[in-house]
């Protein structure tokens, strides 16, 4: 975060120096808009408007990526839940077929969290 603050401070300082060195008057015309500004002030205003516009677009892009990530997380959570259900059903099927298999092979037993869920 501090690198952004340094970059912004340098940009503001550069714009201020530029505005002080370019004091000649220019006329800006756009559609029905016509006004006279000092050249440095006008260019500092255009630079600031560009920074503000890009900041708005970056916020919008951040919001868009956040929504995409949320939907991916929901999909993966649903897939994890379905795989856990499938695992539980397979473990119960194995225990029904060979009740002593869970005693012989500790790897077939349910993990601590699943054992607590089954006990409740």
N, C-alpha and C. Protein backbone atom coordinates (compact mmCIF):
# COMPACT_ATOMS: atom_id res chain seq x y z
N UNK A 1 0.82 -1.19 0.00
CA UNK A 1 0.00 0.00 0.00
C UNK A 1 0.87 1.26 0.00
N UNK A 2 1.97 1.23 0.70
CA UNK A 2 2.81 2.42 0.77
C UNK A 2 3.42 2.76 -0.59
N UNK A 3 3.64 1.77 -1.44
CA UNK A 3 4.19 2.06 -2.76
C UNK A 3 3.19 2.85 -3.60
N UNK A 4 1.89 2.60 -3.41
CA UNK A 4 0.87 3.37 -4.12
C UNK A 4 0.86 4.82 -3.64
N UNK A 5 1.03 5.00 -2.36
CA UNK A 5 1.03 6.35 -1.81
C UNK A 5 2.23 7.14 -2.35
N UNK A 6 3.38 6.50 -2.42
CA UNK A 6 4.57 7.15 -2.96
C UNK A 6 4.36 7.49 -4.43
N UNK A 7 3.78 6.57 -5.20
CA UNK A 7 3.54 6.81 -6.62
C UNK A 7 2.55 7.96 -6.81
N UNK A 8 1.51 8.01 -6.02
CA UNK A 8 0.53 9.10 -6.12
C UNK A 8 1.18 10.43 -5.75
N UNK A 9 1.98 10.43 -4.69
CA UNK A 9 2.66 11.66 -4.28
C UNK A 9 3.59 12.16 -5.37
N UNK A 10 4.33 11.26 -6.01
CA UNK A 10 5.22 11.67 -7.10
C UNK A 10 4.43 12.21 -8.29
N UNK A 11 3.30 11.58 -8.60
CA UNK A 11 2.48 12.05 -9.72
C UNK A 11 1.92 13.44 -9.44
N UNK A 12 1.46 13.67 -8.21
CA UNK A 12 0.93 14.99 -7.84
C UNK A 12 2.04 16.03 -7.88
N UNK A 13 3.21 15.69 -7.39
CA UNK A 13 4.33 16.62 -7.41
C UNK A 13 4.74 16.96 -8.84
N UNK A 14 4.78 15.95 -9.69
CA UNK A 14 5.13 16.17 -11.10
C UNK A 14 4.09 17.06 -11.77
N UNK A 15 2.81 16.82 -11.50
CA UNK A 15 1.75 17.64 -12.09
C UNK A 15 1.84 19.07 -11.60
N UNK A 16 2.17 19.27 -10.33
CA UNK A 16 2.28 20.63 -9.79
C UNK A 16 3.44 21.37 -10.43
N UNK A 17 4.57 20.71 -10.58
CA UNK A 17 5.73 21.34 -11.24
C UNK A 17 5.40 21.68 -12.68
N UNK A 18 4.74 20.77 -13.38
CA UNK A 18 4.35 21.00 -14.77
C UNK A 18 3.40 22.19 -14.87
N UNK A 19 2.43 22.27 -13.95
CA UNK A 19 1.47 23.37 -13.97
C UNK A 19 2.15 24.71 -13.73
N UNK A 20 3.13 24.73 -12.85
CA UNK A 20 3.84 25.98 -12.56
C UNK A 20 4.73 26.43 -13.72
N UNK A 21 5.22 25.49 -14.50
CA UNK A 21 6.13 25.84 -15.60
C UNK A 21 5.39 26.18 -16.89
N UNK A 22 4.13 25.79 -17.01
CA UNK A 22 3.36 26.04 -18.23
C UNK A 22 2.19 26.95 -17.90
N UNK A 23 2.47 28.24 -17.88
CA UNK A 23 1.47 29.22 -17.46
C UNK A 23 0.73 29.87 -18.62
N UNK A 24 1.05 29.52 -19.85
CA UNK A 24 0.39 30.16 -20.99
C UNK A 24 -1.08 29.74 -21.04
N UNK A 25 -1.90 30.66 -21.53
CA UNK A 25 -3.34 30.42 -21.63
C UNK A 25 -3.65 29.62 -22.89
N UNK A 26 -4.55 28.65 -22.75
CA UNK A 26 -5.05 27.90 -23.90
C UNK A 26 -6.56 27.91 -23.86
N UNK A 27 -7.18 27.77 -25.03
CA UNK A 27 -8.63 27.70 -25.11
C UNK A 27 -9.01 26.25 -25.40
N UNK A 28 -9.86 25.74 -24.55
CA UNK A 28 -10.30 24.35 -24.68
C UNK A 28 -11.70 24.37 -25.26
N UNK A 29 -11.89 23.64 -26.37
CA UNK A 29 -13.20 23.54 -27.02
C UNK A 29 -13.59 22.07 -27.12
N UNK A 30 -14.77 21.78 -26.61
CA UNK A 30 -15.31 20.43 -26.72
C UNK A 30 -16.82 20.55 -26.77
N UNK A 31 -17.40 20.09 -27.88
CA UNK A 31 -18.83 20.23 -28.14
C UNK A 31 -19.23 21.70 -27.95
N UNK A 32 -20.10 22.00 -26.99
CA UNK A 32 -20.50 23.40 -26.77
C UNK A 32 -19.67 24.06 -25.68
N UNK A 33 -18.72 23.36 -25.16
CA UNK A 33 -17.89 23.85 -24.07
C UNK A 33 -16.69 24.60 -24.64
N UNK A 34 -16.48 25.81 -24.17
CA UNK A 34 -15.30 26.58 -24.58
C UNK A 34 -14.87 27.44 -23.40
N UNK A 35 -13.62 27.23 -22.97
CA UNK A 35 -13.13 27.96 -21.82
C UNK A 35 -11.62 28.09 -21.91
N UNK A 36 -11.09 29.14 -21.28
CA UNK A 36 -9.64 29.35 -21.26
C UNK A 36 -9.07 28.89 -19.93
N UNK A 37 -7.98 28.14 -20.00
CA UNK A 37 -7.27 27.65 -18.82
C UNK A 37 -5.79 27.88 -19.03
N UNK A 38 -5.04 27.84 -17.93
CA UNK A 38 -3.60 27.77 -18.06
C UNK A 38 -3.28 26.36 -18.53
N UNK A 39 -2.29 26.24 -19.38
CA UNK A 39 -1.98 24.95 -19.97
C UNK A 39 -1.68 23.89 -18.91
N UNK A 40 -0.88 24.19 -17.93
CA UNK A 40 -0.52 23.22 -16.90
C UNK A 40 -1.71 22.80 -16.06
N UNK A 41 -2.59 23.75 -15.75
CA UNK A 41 -3.78 23.44 -14.95
C UNK A 41 -4.70 22.52 -15.75
N UNK A 42 -4.89 22.84 -17.03
CA UNK A 42 -5.76 22.01 -17.87
C UNK A 42 -5.22 20.58 -17.97
N UNK A 43 -3.94 20.45 -18.20
CA UNK A 43 -3.38 19.11 -18.35
C UNK A 43 -3.39 18.35 -17.03
N UNK A 44 -3.23 19.04 -15.91
CA UNK A 44 -3.34 18.39 -14.61
C UNK A 44 -4.78 17.91 -14.37
N UNK A 45 -5.76 18.72 -14.82
CA UNK A 45 -7.17 18.31 -14.69
C UNK A 45 -7.47 17.09 -15.55
N UNK A 46 -6.94 17.06 -16.77
CA UNK A 46 -7.16 15.91 -17.65
C UNK A 46 -6.49 14.66 -17.07
N UNK A 47 -5.30 14.82 -16.54
CA UNK A 47 -4.60 13.70 -15.91
C UNK A 47 -5.40 13.16 -14.72
N UNK A 48 -5.91 14.07 -13.88
CA UNK A 48 -6.69 13.66 -12.71
C UNK A 48 -7.98 12.95 -13.13
N UNK A 49 -8.62 13.45 -14.17
CA UNK A 49 -9.83 12.80 -14.67
C UNK A 49 -9.52 11.40 -15.18
N UNK A 50 -8.38 11.23 -15.84
CA UNK A 50 -7.98 9.90 -16.32
C UNK A 50 -7.70 8.95 -15.17
N UNK A 51 -7.04 9.44 -14.13
CA UNK A 51 -6.76 8.61 -12.96
C UNK A 51 -8.07 8.19 -12.31
N UNK A 52 -8.99 9.12 -12.15
CA UNK A 52 -10.28 8.82 -11.53
C UNK A 52 -11.07 7.81 -12.36
N UNK A 53 -11.07 7.99 -13.66
CA UNK A 53 -11.79 7.07 -14.54
C UNK A 53 -11.20 5.66 -14.47
N UNK A 54 -9.89 5.55 -14.49
CA UNK A 54 -9.26 4.23 -14.41
C UNK A 54 -9.50 3.59 -13.05
N UNK A 55 -9.56 4.39 -11.99
CA UNK A 55 -9.85 3.87 -10.65
C UNK A 55 -11.25 3.28 -10.62
N UNK A 56 -12.23 3.97 -11.23
CA UNK A 56 -13.60 3.46 -11.28
C UNK A 56 -13.63 2.14 -12.04
N UNK A 57 -12.95 2.06 -13.17
CA UNK A 57 -12.93 0.82 -13.95
C UNK A 57 -12.25 -0.31 -13.19
N UNK A 58 -11.21 0.00 -12.43
CA UNK A 58 -10.55 -1.06 -11.67
C UNK A 58 -11.45 -1.57 -10.55
N UNK A 59 -12.22 -0.70 -9.93
CA UNK A 59 -13.18 -1.13 -8.91
C UNK A 59 -14.24 -2.02 -9.53
N UNK A 60 -14.75 -1.64 -10.70
CA UNK A 60 -15.74 -2.47 -11.39
C UNK A 60 -15.17 -3.84 -11.76
N UNK A 61 -13.92 -3.89 -12.20
CA UNK A 61 -13.28 -5.16 -12.53
C UNK A 61 -13.10 -6.01 -11.28
N UNK A 62 -12.78 -5.38 -10.17
CA UNK A 62 -12.63 -6.09 -8.90
C UNK A 62 -13.96 -6.70 -8.46
N UNK A 63 -15.03 -5.95 -8.60
CA UNK A 63 -16.36 -6.46 -8.24
C UNK A 63 -16.73 -7.63 -9.13
N UNK A 64 -16.46 -7.52 -10.43
CA UNK A 64 -16.77 -8.60 -11.37
C UNK A 64 -16.00 -9.87 -11.02
N UNK A 65 -14.73 -9.75 -10.73
CA UNK A 65 -13.94 -10.93 -10.39
C UNK A 65 -14.38 -11.51 -9.05
N UNK A 66 -14.83 -10.67 -8.15
CA UNK A 66 -15.34 -11.16 -6.87
C UNK A 66 -16.58 -12.02 -7.07
N UNK A 67 -17.50 -11.59 -7.93
CA UNK A 67 -18.69 -12.39 -8.21
C UNK A 67 -18.33 -13.71 -8.88
N UNK A 68 -17.37 -13.68 -9.80
CA UNK A 68 -16.95 -14.92 -10.45
C UNK A 68 -16.35 -15.88 -9.44
N UNK A 69 -15.51 -15.36 -8.53
CA UNK A 69 -14.89 -16.21 -7.52
C UNK A 69 -15.92 -16.79 -6.56
N UNK A 70 -16.93 -16.00 -6.20
CA UNK A 70 -17.98 -16.51 -5.32
C UNK A 70 -18.74 -17.66 -5.97
N UNK A 71 -19.04 -17.54 -7.25
CA UNK A 71 -19.76 -18.62 -7.92
C UNK A 71 -18.89 -19.87 -8.02
N UNK A 72 -17.60 -19.70 -8.26
CA UNK A 72 -16.70 -20.86 -8.30
C UNK A 72 -16.62 -21.53 -6.94
N UNK A 73 -16.58 -20.74 -5.87
CA UNK A 73 -16.52 -21.31 -4.53
C UNK A 73 -17.80 -22.09 -4.23
N UNK A 74 -18.95 -21.55 -4.62
CA UNK A 74 -20.22 -22.25 -4.40
C UNK A 74 -20.24 -23.58 -5.16
N UNK A 75 -19.77 -23.57 -6.40
CA UNK A 75 -19.73 -24.80 -7.18
C UNK A 75 -18.82 -25.83 -6.53
N UNK A 76 -17.67 -25.40 -6.07
CA UNK A 76 -16.72 -26.33 -5.44
C UNK A 76 -17.23 -26.83 -4.11
N UNK A 77 -17.91 -25.99 -3.34
CA UNK A 77 -18.51 -26.44 -2.08
C UNK A 77 -19.58 -27.50 -2.33
N UNK A 78 -20.38 -27.29 -3.37
CA UNK A 78 -21.40 -28.28 -3.71
C UNK A 78 -20.76 -29.59 -4.14
N UNK A 79 -19.68 -29.51 -4.91
CA UNK A 79 -19.00 -30.72 -5.35
C UNK A 79 -18.37 -31.44 -4.15
N UNK A 80 -17.78 -30.70 -3.23
CA UNK A 80 -17.20 -31.31 -2.04
C UNK A 80 -18.27 -32.01 -1.22
N UNK A 81 -19.42 -31.36 -1.06
CA UNK A 81 -20.52 -31.96 -0.30
C UNK A 81 -21.00 -33.25 -0.95
N UNK A 82 -21.12 -33.24 -2.28
CA UNK A 82 -21.57 -34.46 -2.96
C UNK A 82 -20.53 -35.57 -2.86
N UNK A 83 -19.25 -35.22 -2.94
CA UNK A 83 -18.20 -36.23 -2.80
C UNK A 83 -18.15 -36.78 -1.38
N UNK A 84 -18.39 -35.94 -0.38
CA UNK A 84 -18.43 -36.43 1.00
C UNK A 84 -19.60 -37.37 1.22
N UNK A 85 -20.75 -37.05 0.63
CA UNK A 85 -21.91 -37.95 0.72
C UNK A 85 -21.60 -39.29 0.05
N UNK A 86 -20.97 -39.23 -1.12
CA UNK A 86 -20.61 -40.46 -1.83
C UNK A 86 -19.61 -41.27 -1.00
N UNK A 87 -18.67 -40.60 -0.37
CA UNK A 87 -17.69 -41.29 0.47
C UNK A 87 -18.37 -41.98 1.65
N UNK A 88 -19.30 -41.27 2.29
CA UNK A 88 -20.02 -41.86 3.43
C UNK A 88 -20.82 -43.09 3.00
N UNK A 89 -21.47 -42.99 1.84
CA UNK A 89 -22.26 -44.13 1.38
C UNK A 89 -21.36 -45.30 1.01
N UNK A 90 -20.19 -45.02 0.43
CA UNK A 90 -19.25 -46.11 0.12
C UNK A 90 -18.71 -46.75 1.39
N UNK A 91 -18.38 -45.95 2.39
CA UNK A 91 -17.89 -46.51 3.65
C UNK A 91 -18.97 -47.35 4.33
N UNK A 92 -20.21 -46.89 4.31
CA UNK A 92 -21.27 -47.69 4.92
C UNK A 92 -21.51 -48.97 4.13
N UNK A 93 -21.39 -48.91 2.81
CA UNK A 93 -21.56 -50.13 2.00
C UNK A 93 -20.44 -51.12 2.29
N UNK A 94 -19.23 -50.63 2.43
CA UNK A 94 -18.09 -51.51 2.75
C UNK A 94 -18.28 -52.12 4.13
N UNK A 95 -18.73 -51.33 5.09
CA UNK A 95 -18.95 -51.85 6.44
C UNK A 95 -20.10 -52.85 6.48
N UNK A 96 -21.11 -52.69 5.60
CA UNK A 96 -22.21 -53.65 5.54
C UNK A 96 -21.77 -54.97 4.92
N UNK A 97 -20.89 -54.88 3.94
CA UNK A 97 -20.41 -56.09 3.27
C UNK A 97 -19.45 -56.85 4.18
N UNK A 98 -18.50 -56.15 4.72
CA UNK A 98 -17.49 -56.79 5.58
C UNK A 98 -17.39 -56.00 6.88
N UNK A 99 -18.20 -56.35 7.88
CA UNK A 99 -18.21 -55.59 9.13
C UNK A 99 -16.86 -55.56 9.82
N UNK A 100 -16.05 -56.60 9.68
CA UNK A 100 -14.75 -56.65 10.33
C UNK A 100 -13.67 -55.91 9.55
N UNK A 101 -13.98 -55.45 8.34
CA UNK A 101 -12.97 -54.78 7.50
C UNK A 101 -12.52 -53.47 8.14
N UNK A 102 -13.42 -52.79 8.80
CA UNK A 102 -13.02 -51.51 9.41
C UNK A 102 -12.08 -51.75 10.58
N UNK A 103 -12.19 -52.90 11.24
CA UNK A 103 -11.26 -53.20 12.33
C UNK A 103 -9.90 -53.59 11.77
N UNK A 104 -9.89 -54.33 10.68
CA UNK A 104 -8.63 -54.76 10.08
C UNK A 104 -7.91 -53.61 9.38
N UNK A 105 -8.67 -52.81 8.67
CA UNK A 105 -8.09 -51.73 7.86
C UNK A 105 -8.57 -50.40 8.41
N UNK A 106 -7.73 -49.76 9.18
CA UNK A 106 -8.09 -48.48 9.78
C UNK A 106 -8.39 -47.41 8.75
N UNK A 107 -7.85 -47.55 7.54
CA UNK A 107 -8.05 -46.55 6.50
C UNK A 107 -9.49 -46.50 6.04
N UNK A 108 -10.26 -47.56 6.28
CA UNK A 108 -11.65 -47.58 5.84
C UNK A 108 -12.58 -46.89 6.83
N UNK A 109 -12.10 -46.64 8.02
CA UNK A 109 -12.98 -46.01 9.00
C UNK A 109 -13.16 -44.54 8.66
N UNK A 110 -14.27 -43.99 9.13
CA UNK A 110 -14.58 -42.60 8.87
C UNK A 110 -13.67 -41.72 9.71
N UNK A 111 -13.34 -40.52 9.22
CA UNK A 111 -12.51 -39.62 10.01
C UNK A 111 -13.26 -39.15 11.26
N UNK A 112 -12.56 -38.50 12.16
CA UNK A 112 -13.14 -38.09 13.44
C UNK A 112 -14.40 -37.26 13.26
N UNK A 113 -14.38 -36.33 12.33
CA UNK A 113 -15.56 -35.47 12.09
C UNK A 113 -16.75 -36.28 11.63
N UNK A 114 -16.54 -37.25 10.77
CA UNK A 114 -17.66 -38.07 10.27
C UNK A 114 -18.16 -38.99 11.36
N UNK A 115 -17.27 -39.48 12.22
CA UNK A 115 -17.69 -40.35 13.33
C UNK A 115 -18.56 -39.55 14.31
N UNK A 116 -18.20 -38.30 14.56
CA UNK A 116 -19.00 -37.45 15.45
C UNK A 116 -20.36 -37.19 14.84
N UNK A 117 -20.42 -36.97 13.50
CA UNK A 117 -21.69 -36.73 12.85
C UNK A 117 -22.57 -37.96 12.92
N UNK A 118 -21.99 -39.13 12.75
CA UNK A 118 -22.75 -40.38 12.80
C UNK A 118 -23.26 -40.64 14.20
N UNK A 119 -22.49 -40.27 15.23
CA UNK A 119 -22.90 -40.50 16.60
C UNK A 119 -24.06 -39.58 16.99
N UNK A 120 -24.09 -38.39 16.43
CA UNK A 120 -25.17 -37.44 16.75
C UNK A 120 -26.41 -37.85 16.02
